[in-house]
Protein backbone atom coordinates (compact mmCIF):
# COMPACT_ATOMS: atom_id res chain seq x y z
CA MET A 1 0.00 0.00 0.00
CA LEU A 2 1.25 3.49 -0.82
CA PRO A 3 2.03 5.96 1.95
CA SER A 4 -0.53 8.70 2.47
CA PRO A 5 1.34 11.60 0.73
CA PHE A 6 1.22 9.70 -2.57
CA LYS A 7 -2.03 9.87 -4.47
CA ARG A 8 -3.00 8.15 -7.68
CA PHE A 9 -4.39 10.18 -10.53
CA LYS A 10 -6.29 8.92 -13.51
CA PHE A 11 -4.30 9.47 -16.68
CA THR A 12 -6.25 11.04 -19.54
CA LYS A 13 -5.00 10.87 -23.08
CA ALA A 14 -4.66 14.05 -25.08
CA LYS A 15 -7.31 14.88 -27.63
CA THR A 16 -6.62 16.20 -31.10
CA HIS A 17 -8.40 18.62 -33.41
CA LEU A 18 -9.79 17.17 -36.65
CA PHE A 19 -11.32 18.78 -39.73
CA LEU A 20 -14.28 16.68 -40.93
CA LEU A 21 -14.46 15.89 -44.64
CA THR A 22 -17.90 14.23 -44.51
CA ASP A 23 -21.01 14.37 -42.35
CA SER A 24 -20.81 11.93 -39.46
CA ILE A 25 -21.99 11.47 -35.89
CA LEU A 26 -19.19 13.81 -34.78
CA GLY A 27 -20.50 16.76 -36.80
CA LYS A 28 -21.14 18.15 -40.25
CA LYS A 29 -18.75 18.49 -43.16
CA GLY A 30 -16.28 21.32 -42.52
CA ASP A 31 -16.58 21.26 -38.72
CA ILE A 32 -13.52 21.18 -36.51
CA VAL A 33 -14.05 18.69 -33.70
CA LEU A 34 -12.03 17.50 -30.74
CA SER A 35 -11.55 13.73 -30.73
CA ASP A 36 -9.28 11.22 -29.04
CA GLN A 37 -6.14 10.16 -30.87
CA GLU A 38 -7.06 6.48 -31.09
CA LYS A 39 -10.31 7.16 -32.94
CA ALA A 40 -8.57 9.62 -35.26
CA ARG A 41 -5.59 7.38 -36.04
CA ASN A 42 -7.48 4.09 -36.39
CA ILE A 43 -10.80 5.12 -37.96
CA LEU A 44 -11.22 8.69 -39.20
CA ILE A 45 -7.88 9.32 -40.93
CA PRO A 46 -7.49 5.94 -42.74
CA LEU A 47 -11.08 6.07 -44.05
CA GLN A 48 -10.54 9.68 -45.18
CA LEU A 49 -13.43 10.96 -43.07
CA ALA A 50 -11.26 13.67 -41.49
CA TYR A 51 -7.75 15.07 -41.40
CA TYR A 52 -5.62 16.64 -38.71
CA VAL A 53 -5.74 20.41 -38.15
CA PRO A 54 -2.22 21.80 -38.71
CA ARG A 55 -0.18 22.62 -35.60
CA VAL A 56 2.46 25.31 -35.03
CA ARG A 57 4.66 25.06 -31.93
CA GLY A 58 2.33 22.43 -30.50
CA LYS A 59 -0.85 24.52 -30.82
CA PRO A 60 -3.51 23.93 -33.50
CA LEU A 61 -4.17 26.64 -36.09
CA LEU A 62 -7.83 27.39 -35.48
CA PRO A 63 -10.01 30.09 -37.06
CA PRO A 64 -10.60 33.23 -34.98
CA GLY A 65 -13.58 32.95 -32.64
CA PHE A 66 -13.50 29.14 -32.67
CA LYS A 67 -15.41 27.52 -29.81
CA GLU A 68 -14.39 24.01 -28.88
CA LYS A 69 -17.07 21.38 -28.65
CA GLU A 70 -16.52 17.87 -27.44
CA GLU A 71 -17.39 14.96 -29.65
CA ASN A 72 -21.01 13.89 -29.43
CA VAL A 73 -21.78 11.11 -27.02
CA LEU A 74 -24.30 8.68 -28.39
CA VAL A 75 -27.40 8.37 -26.28
CA ARG A 76 -28.62 4.85 -25.82
CA GLU A 77 -32.37 4.63 -26.15
CA ASN A 78 -34.52 1.86 -24.80
CA ILE A 79 -36.46 -0.05 -27.42
CA THR A 80 -39.58 -1.76 -26.24
CA PRO A 81 -40.53 -4.89 -28.14
CA TYR A 82 -43.83 -4.86 -29.96
CA PHE A 83 -45.88 -8.03 -29.76
CA PRO A 84 -49.12 -7.94 -31.73
CA ALA A 85 -52.07 -9.29 -29.83
């Protein structure tokens, strides 16, 4: 067990800015969205659904007045089965 002055923190992976080339669940064509690197590297970039926003000195080049929005979280809806009488 760790001594009391040491605390564990949950590590969060950095997110990256992407420019969407097609409409998807993340947004509309032309939107700049913030997504995790795994989804970008493994799905969006290889399928040419998005590309990385250019970076200068570690900061993304974003248009003036840009407001960040997180990627959409899918809402799970309950489906009730229909049984005809």
